[in-house]
Structures are given as C-alpha cells and as structure tokens.
C-alpha cells in the first residue's frame, strides 16, 4: 500500500494529533460532557499523581474500593483561574472530587466540577456544581 501526499498540511495535522494523543495524561482525555453521566458523584481517595498540562490537567486518585481513578480537571487556563496549580496537591494528599463519572462502564474516569484537597476547595466549573 502506498500513501500519496496531497497537501503539506495533512501530514502536519496527523503529526499534531499524534503528539496530543501521546502526551502524558492526554491520550484518554475527553472533551465536552457527552462522554459522562449526567448524575454527579463524590469520589474520595488519595492523590497518587498530579499532571498539569494539555489538554486537561488530571489527578490520579486511589480509592479504597475501586483502585486508581483519573480525575480530569478543566482546561489548564480555567484550572489555574480556579486557583489549582501543580503545588495544590501532592502524592499522598487526601482528595474529594465532585463531578461526572464516565458513562462507559468499567472506566474509572471522572470530569470534576469541584476538587477539595485538605481544607482548600477549587471550583473548576462553578456553574455546574449541584451540591457537594
């Protein structure tokens, strides 16, 4: 099979997509809300890893019953506006995340609307918070 180049833009677009998908924390990132359940849940656990970067900062959170969850925060700019930075959480910190779990059964991923680390609360999507 051969591949013909029709435009100089197409290989660049493919390369850019590959870089984004290969970025730490970026391969499984979801955009928008359609991938998540409408109901909000509370997730309690311990921070195992903090990633601040594109396309979304994430926390790896270990729960006592379900193992490791990926907690997706807002885009980097919005996460920073909420006051959350790389120094806001460290491995071993207790965390409570409120948000929407993945609609895909078995996937331990949530889109957080609010995160509480210690006594500090970060409202990532204040307009979407329904309690917590």
N, C-alpha and C. Protein backbone atom coordinates (compact mmCIF):
# COMPACT_ATOMS: atom_id res chain seq x y z
N UNK A 1 0.86 -1.18 0.00
CA UNK A 1 0.00 0.00 0.00
C UNK A 1 0.89 1.23 0.00
N UNK A 2 0.52 2.21 -0.79
CA UNK A 2 1.29 3.45 -0.84
C UNK A 2 0.44 4.60 -0.34
N UNK A 3 1.11 5.60 0.12
CA UNK A 3 0.43 6.78 0.62
C UNK A 3 0.93 7.97 -0.17
N UNK A 4 0.02 8.72 -0.79
CA UNK A 4 0.41 9.89 -1.54
C UNK A 4 0.13 11.14 -0.73
N UNK A 5 1.04 12.07 -0.83
CA UNK A 5 0.87 13.35 -0.17
C UNK A 5 0.11 14.27 -1.09
N UNK A 6 -1.04 14.73 -0.64
CA UNK A 6 -1.86 15.64 -1.43
C UNK A 6 -1.69 17.07 -1.00
N UNK A 7 -1.32 17.25 0.25
CA UNK A 7 -1.19 18.60 0.78
C UNK A 7 -0.12 18.59 1.85
N UNK A 8 0.61 19.65 1.96
CA UNK A 8 1.61 19.75 3.02
C UNK A 8 0.97 19.86 4.39
N UNK A 9 -0.29 20.17 4.46
CA UNK A 9 -0.97 20.34 5.74
C UNK A 9 -1.40 19.02 6.37
N UNK A 10 -1.75 18.05 5.56
CA UNK A 10 -2.28 16.80 6.10
C UNK A 10 -1.27 16.08 6.98
N UNK A 11 -0.02 15.86 6.54
CA UNK A 11 0.94 15.19 7.42
C UNK A 11 1.17 15.98 8.71
N UNK A 12 1.16 17.29 8.62
CA UNK A 12 1.36 18.11 9.82
C UNK A 12 0.19 17.92 10.79
N UNK A 13 -1.02 17.85 10.26
CA UNK A 13 -2.19 17.64 11.12
C UNK A 13 -2.15 16.27 11.78
N UNK A 14 -1.75 15.27 11.03
CA UNK A 14 -1.64 13.92 11.58
C UNK A 14 -0.58 13.88 12.66
N UNK A 15 0.57 14.53 12.42
CA UNK A 15 1.63 14.58 13.42
C UNK A 15 1.16 15.31 14.68
N UNK A 16 0.45 16.41 14.52
CA UNK A 16 -0.04 17.17 15.68
C UNK A 16 -1.01 16.31 16.50
N UNK A 17 -1.89 15.57 15.83
CA UNK A 17 -2.82 14.70 16.55
C UNK A 17 -2.07 13.61 17.29
N UNK A 18 -1.06 13.05 16.68
CA UNK A 18 -0.28 12.00 17.33
C UNK A 18 0.44 12.54 18.56
N UNK A 19 0.96 13.75 18.48
CA UNK A 19 1.65 14.35 19.62
C UNK A 19 0.67 14.56 20.77
N UNK A 20 -0.52 15.10 20.48
CA UNK A 20 -1.51 15.34 21.53
C UNK A 20 -1.94 14.02 22.16
N UNK A 21 -2.20 13.01 21.34
CA UNK A 21 -2.64 11.73 21.88
C UNK A 21 -1.55 11.03 22.66
N UNK A 22 -0.31 11.31 22.33
CA UNK A 22 0.79 10.68 23.03
C UNK A 22 1.27 11.45 24.25
N UNK A 23 0.73 12.64 24.47
CA UNK A 23 1.16 13.46 25.61
C UNK A 23 0.72 12.82 26.91
N UNK A 24 1.53 12.92 27.97
CA UNK A 24 1.13 12.35 29.25
C UNK A 24 -0.21 12.90 29.70
N UNK A 25 -1.10 12.01 30.08
CA UNK A 25 -2.41 12.43 30.54
C UNK A 25 -3.34 12.83 29.42
N UNK A 26 -2.87 12.88 28.18
CA UNK A 26 -3.69 13.37 27.09
C UNK A 26 -4.35 12.30 26.26
N UNK A 27 -3.85 11.08 26.28
CA UNK A 27 -4.37 10.05 25.41
C UNK A 27 -5.81 9.71 25.69
N UNK A 28 -6.20 9.75 26.94
CA UNK A 28 -7.57 9.40 27.25
C UNK A 28 -8.44 10.59 27.54
N UNK A 29 -7.94 11.77 27.29
CA UNK A 29 -8.71 12.97 27.63
C UNK A 29 -9.97 13.03 26.79
N UNK A 30 -11.04 13.48 27.40
CA UNK A 30 -12.31 13.64 26.74
C UNK A 30 -12.64 15.12 26.72
N UNK A 31 -13.24 15.56 25.63
CA UNK A 31 -13.62 16.96 25.54
C UNK A 31 -15.12 17.06 25.57
N UNK A 32 -15.62 18.11 26.18
CA UNK A 32 -17.05 18.26 26.33
C UNK A 32 -17.56 17.38 27.46
N UNK A 33 -18.87 17.16 27.48
CA UNK A 33 -19.51 16.43 28.57
C UNK A 33 -20.28 15.21 28.11
N UNK A 34 -20.42 15.00 26.82
CA UNK A 34 -21.27 13.92 26.31
C UNK A 34 -20.78 12.53 26.72
N UNK A 35 -19.53 12.39 27.05
CA UNK A 35 -18.97 11.09 27.43
C UNK A 35 -19.28 10.73 28.87
N UNK A 36 -19.82 11.68 29.64
CA UNK A 36 -20.02 11.47 31.07
C UNK A 36 -21.51 11.36 31.41
N UNK A 37 -21.77 10.68 32.53
CA UNK A 37 -23.14 10.59 33.03
C UNK A 37 -23.61 11.96 33.52
N UNK A 38 -24.91 12.17 33.52
CA UNK A 38 -25.47 13.43 33.97
C UNK A 38 -25.39 13.56 35.49
N UNK A 39 -25.58 12.46 36.19
CA UNK A 39 -25.55 12.48 37.66
C UNK A 39 -24.15 12.81 38.17
N UNK A 40 -24.10 13.60 39.24
CA UNK A 40 -22.81 13.93 39.86
C UNK A 40 -22.55 12.97 41.01
N UNK A 41 -21.28 12.60 41.16
CA UNK A 41 -20.87 11.72 42.24
C UNK A 41 -19.78 12.39 43.06
N UNK A 42 -19.52 11.82 44.22
CA UNK A 42 -18.40 12.25 45.06
C UNK A 42 -17.40 11.12 45.08
N UNK A 43 -16.15 11.44 44.84
CA UNK A 43 -15.07 10.46 44.83
C UNK A 43 -14.07 10.86 45.91
N UNK A 44 -13.81 9.96 46.84
CA UNK A 44 -12.85 10.21 47.92
C UNK A 44 -11.69 9.27 47.77
N UNK A 45 -10.50 9.82 47.93
CA UNK A 45 -9.33 8.98 47.83
C UNK A 45 -8.06 9.73 48.17
N UNK A 46 -6.96 9.20 47.66
CA UNK A 46 -5.63 9.75 47.91
C UNK A 46 -4.97 10.08 46.58
N UNK A 47 -4.42 11.28 46.48
CA UNK A 47 -3.71 11.68 45.27
C UNK A 47 -2.48 10.79 45.10
N UNK A 48 -2.33 10.25 43.91
CA UNK A 48 -1.13 9.47 43.57
C UNK A 48 -0.24 10.21 42.58
N UNK A 49 -0.86 11.06 41.76
CA UNK A 49 -0.08 11.81 40.76
C UNK A 49 -0.86 13.03 40.32
N UNK A 50 -0.16 14.12 40.07
CA UNK A 50 -0.75 15.36 39.56
C UNK A 50 -0.11 15.66 38.22
N UNK A 51 -0.93 15.89 37.20
CA UNK A 51 -0.43 16.28 35.88
C UNK A 51 -1.06 17.62 35.53
N UNK A 52 -0.24 18.62 35.27
CA UNK A 52 -0.73 19.92 34.84
C UNK A 52 -0.21 20.15 33.42
N UNK A 53 -1.11 20.16 32.47
CA UNK A 53 -0.71 20.35 31.09
C UNK A 53 -1.89 20.17 30.16
N UNK A 54 -1.58 20.10 28.88
CA UNK A 54 -2.59 19.97 27.83
C UNK A 54 -2.99 18.51 27.66
N UNK A 55 -4.15 18.16 27.22
CA UNK A 55 -5.26 19.08 27.01
C UNK A 55 -6.00 19.41 28.30
N UNK A 56 -5.88 18.55 29.32
CA UNK A 56 -6.51 18.80 30.61
C UNK A 56 -5.60 18.34 31.73
N UNK A 57 -5.44 19.15 32.76
CA UNK A 57 -4.75 18.66 33.96
C UNK A 57 -5.56 17.48 34.53
N UNK A 58 -4.87 16.55 35.13
CA UNK A 58 -5.53 15.39 35.71
C UNK A 58 -4.90 15.04 37.06
N UNK A 59 -5.70 14.35 37.85
CA UNK A 59 -5.22 13.76 39.09
C UNK A 59 -5.43 12.25 38.97
N UNK A 60 -4.44 11.50 39.38
CA UNK A 60 -4.62 10.05 39.55
C UNK A 60 -4.94 9.88 41.02
N UNK A 61 -6.12 9.34 41.29
CA UNK A 61 -6.63 9.23 42.66
C UNK A 61 -6.87 7.76 42.98
N UNK A 62 -6.29 7.32 44.08
CA UNK A 62 -6.50 5.94 44.52
C UNK A 62 -7.62 5.93 45.56
N UNK A 63 -8.62 5.08 45.31
CA UNK A 63 -9.74 4.93 46.24
C UNK A 63 -9.60 3.60 46.97
N UNK A 64 -10.14 3.51 48.17
CA UNK A 64 -10.01 2.27 48.93
C UNK A 64 -10.69 1.07 48.26
N UNK A 65 -11.80 1.30 47.56
CA UNK A 65 -12.57 0.19 46.99
C UNK A 65 -12.35 -0.06 45.50
N UNK A 66 -12.08 1.01 44.74
CA UNK A 66 -12.06 0.88 43.28
C UNK A 66 -10.68 1.01 42.63
N UNK A 67 -9.65 1.23 43.39
CA UNK A 67 -8.33 1.41 42.80
C UNK A 67 -8.13 2.81 42.27
N UNK A 68 -7.39 2.93 41.17
CA UNK A 68 -6.99 4.22 40.62
C UNK A 68 -8.06 4.78 39.67
N UNK A 69 -8.40 6.04 39.89
CA UNK A 69 -9.29 6.80 39.02
C UNK A 69 -8.50 7.94 38.38
N UNK A 70 -8.88 8.32 37.19
CA UNK A 70 -8.37 9.53 36.54
C UNK A 70 -9.43 10.61 36.75
N UNK A 71 -9.04 11.69 37.40
CA UNK A 71 -9.94 12.81 37.63
C UNK A 71 -9.48 13.94 36.71
N UNK A 72 -10.28 14.21 35.72
CA UNK A 72 -9.96 15.23 34.72
C UNK A 72 -10.44 16.58 35.24
N UNK A 73 -9.55 17.57 35.23
CA UNK A 73 -9.89 18.92 35.65
C UNK A 73 -10.31 19.72 34.42
N UNK A 74 -10.46 21.01 34.56
CA UNK A 74 -10.81 21.88 33.43
C UNK A 74 -9.56 22.09 32.56
N UNK A 75 -9.70 22.83 31.48
CA UNK A 75 -8.52 23.12 30.67
C UNK A 75 -7.50 23.87 31.53
N UNK A 76 -6.24 23.88 31.14
CA UNK A 76 -5.21 24.48 32.00
C UNK A 76 -5.50 25.92 32.45
N UNK A 77 -6.00 26.74 31.57
CA UNK A 77 -6.26 28.15 31.92
C UNK A 77 -7.39 28.24 32.95
N UNK A 78 -8.45 27.50 32.74
CA UNK A 78 -9.59 27.52 33.65
C UNK A 78 -9.22 26.89 35.00
N UNK A 79 -8.41 25.84 34.98
CA UNK A 79 -7.94 25.22 36.22
C UNK A 79 -7.12 26.22 37.02
N UNK A 80 -6.27 26.97 36.36
CA UNK A 80 -5.46 28.00 37.03
C UNK A 80 -6.35 29.10 37.59
N UNK A 81 -7.38 29.51 36.85
CA UNK A 81 -8.31 30.53 37.34
C UNK A 81 -9.02 30.08 38.61
N UNK A 82 -9.23 28.77 38.72
CA UNK A 82 -9.87 28.23 39.94
C UNK A 82 -8.89 28.20 41.11
N UNK A 83 -7.61 28.51 40.84
CA UNK A 83 -6.61 28.54 41.89
C UNK A 83 -5.79 27.27 42.02
N UNK A 84 -6.08 26.27 41.18
CA UNK A 84 -5.38 25.00 41.26
C UNK A 84 -4.11 25.04 40.42
N UNK A 85 -2.99 24.63 41.03
CA UNK A 85 -1.71 24.59 40.32
C UNK A 85 -1.00 23.29 40.69
N UNK A 86 0.19 23.09 40.16
CA UNK A 86 0.97 21.89 40.45
C UNK A 86 1.28 21.78 41.94
N UNK A 87 1.31 22.90 42.65
CA UNK A 87 1.61 22.90 44.08
C UNK A 87 0.36 22.68 44.94
N UNK A 88 -0.81 22.59 44.33
CA UNK A 88 -2.06 22.47 45.10
C UNK A 88 -2.28 21.09 45.69
N UNK A 89 -1.68 20.08 45.11
CA UNK A 89 -1.85 18.71 45.59
C UNK A 89 -0.55 17.94 45.38
N UNK A 90 -0.28 17.05 46.31
CA UNK A 90 0.91 16.19 46.21
C UNK A 90 0.49 14.75 46.44
N UNK A 91 1.30 13.83 45.96
CA UNK A 91 1.05 12.42 46.20
C UNK A 91 0.92 12.19 47.70
N UNK A 92 -0.14 11.49 48.09
CA UNK A 92 -0.41 11.21 49.49
C UNK A 92 -1.47 12.09 50.11
N UNK A 93 -1.80 13.22 49.45
CA UNK A 93 -2.84 14.11 49.98
C UNK A 93 -4.22 13.49 49.84
N UNK A 94 -5.07 13.64 50.86
CA UNK A 94 -6.47 13.21 50.71
C UNK A 94 -7.18 14.19 49.77
N UNK A 95 -8.10 13.66 48.97
CA UNK A 95 -8.81 14.47 48.00
C UNK A 95 -10.26 14.02 47.92
N UNK A 96 -11.13 14.99 47.70
CA UNK A 96 -12.54 14.73 47.42
C UNK A 96 -12.84 15.44 46.10
N UNK A 97 -13.32 14.68 45.13
CA UNK A 97 -13.67 15.25 43.83
C UNK A 97 -15.17 15.06 43.61
N UNK A 98 -15.82 16.10 43.12
CA UNK A 98 -17.23 16.05 42.76
C UNK A 98 -17.31 16.22 41.26
N UNK A 99 -18.12 15.40 40.62
CA UNK A 99 -18.25 15.55 39.19
C UNK A 99 -19.00 14.40 38.55
N UNK A 100 -18.73 14.21 37.27
CA UNK A 100 -19.47 13.26 36.45
C UNK A 100 -18.55 12.10 36.06
N UNK A 101 -18.97 10.88 36.41
CA UNK A 101 -18.17 9.72 36.03
C UNK A 101 -18.42 9.38 34.57
N UNK A 102 -17.51 8.64 33.99
CA UNK A 102 -17.64 8.20 32.62
C UNK A 102 -18.88 7.32 32.45
N UNK A 103 -19.56 7.48 31.34
CA UNK A 103 -20.72 6.65 31.04
C UNK A 103 -20.30 5.26 30.60
N UNK A 104 -19.03 5.09 30.25
CA UNK A 104 -18.52 3.78 29.84
C UNK A 104 -18.30 2.93 31.09
N UNK A 105 -19.10 1.91 31.26
CA UNK A 105 -19.00 1.04 32.43
C UNK A 105 -17.60 0.46 32.53
N UNK A 106 -17.09 0.47 33.72
CA UNK A 106 -15.76 -0.08 33.96
C UNK A 106 -14.64 0.95 33.83
N UNK A 107 -14.92 2.09 33.20
CA UNK A 107 -13.89 3.13 33.09
C UNK A 107 -13.91 3.97 34.36
N UNK A 108 -12.80 4.02 35.04
CA UNK A 108 -12.68 4.79 36.28
C UNK A 108 -12.10 6.17 35.95
N UNK A 109 -12.97 7.00 35.42
CA UNK A 109 -12.61 8.36 35.00
C UNK A 109 -13.78 9.26 35.34
N UNK A 110 -13.44 10.45 35.79
CA UNK A 110 -14.49 11.44 36.04
C UNK A 110 -14.04 12.81 35.59
N UNK A 111 -15.01 13.63 35.24
CA UNK A 111 -14.79 15.04 34.92
C UNK A 111 -15.21 15.81 36.15
N UNK A 112 -14.25 16.42 36.83
CA UNK A 112 -14.53 17.11 38.09
C UNK A 112 -15.09 18.50 37.85
N UNK A 113 -16.06 18.88 38.67
CA UNK A 113 -16.56 20.25 38.69
C UNK A 113 -16.01 20.98 39.91
N UNK A 114 -15.65 20.21 40.94
CA UNK A 114 -15.07 20.76 42.17
C UNK A 114 -14.10 19.73 42.74
N UNK A 115 -12.98 20.23 43.26
CA UNK A 115 -12.00 19.37 43.92
C UNK A 115 -11.63 20.00 45.25
N UNK A 116 -11.58 19.16 46.28
CA UNK A 116 -11.15 19.64 47.59
C UNK A 116 -9.92 18.83 48.01
N UNK A 117 -8.84 19.56 48.27
CA UNK A 117 -7.60 18.96 48.75
C UNK A 117 -7.32 19.57 50.11
N UNK A 118 -7.33 18.73 51.15
CA UNK A 118 -7.18 19.26 52.50
C UNK A 118 -8.34 20.19 52.81
N UNK A 119 -8.04 21.40 53.24
CA UNK A 119 -9.10 22.36 53.56
C UNK A 119 -9.34 23.37 52.45
N UNK A 120 -8.76 23.16 51.29
CA UNK A 120 -8.89 24.09 50.16
C UNK A 120 -9.80 23.51 49.08
N UNK A 121 -10.76 24.30 48.63
CA UNK A 121 -11.71 23.89 47.59
C UNK A 121 -11.45 24.66 46.31
N UNK A 122 -11.48 23.94 45.19
CA UNK A 122 -11.26 24.53 43.86
C UNK A 122 -12.50 24.27 43.02
N UNK A 123 -13.23 25.33 42.69
CA UNK A 123 -14.42 25.22 41.86
C UNK A 123 -14.01 25.39 40.40
N UNK A 124 -13.90 24.29 39.70
CA UNK A 124 -13.44 24.28 38.31
C UNK A 124 -14.54 24.72 37.35
N UNK A 125 -15.75 24.27 37.61
CA UNK A 125 -16.93 24.63 36.81
C UNK A 125 -18.03 25.06 37.77
N UNK A 126 -17.94 26.27 38.34
CA UNK A 126 -18.93 26.70 39.36
C UNK A 126 -20.37 26.62 38.88
N UNK A 127 -20.59 26.89 37.60
CA UNK A 127 -21.95 26.88 37.07
C UNK A 127 -22.54 25.47 36.99
N UNK A 128 -21.71 24.45 37.13
CA UNK A 128 -22.18 23.07 37.02
C UNK A 128 -22.30 22.37 38.37
N UNK A 129 -21.91 23.01 39.45
CA UNK A 129 -21.92 22.37 40.75
C UNK A 129 -23.36 22.25 41.25
N UNK A 130 -23.75 21.03 41.62
CA UNK A 130 -25.12 20.77 42.08
C UNK A 130 -25.16 20.40 43.55
N UNK A 131 -24.16 20.62 44.27
CA UNK A 131 -24.10 20.23 45.67
C UNK A 131 -22.64 20.01 46.05
N UNK A 132 -22.41 19.23 47.06
CA UNK A 132 -21.02 18.93 47.43
C UNK A 132 -20.51 19.98 48.31
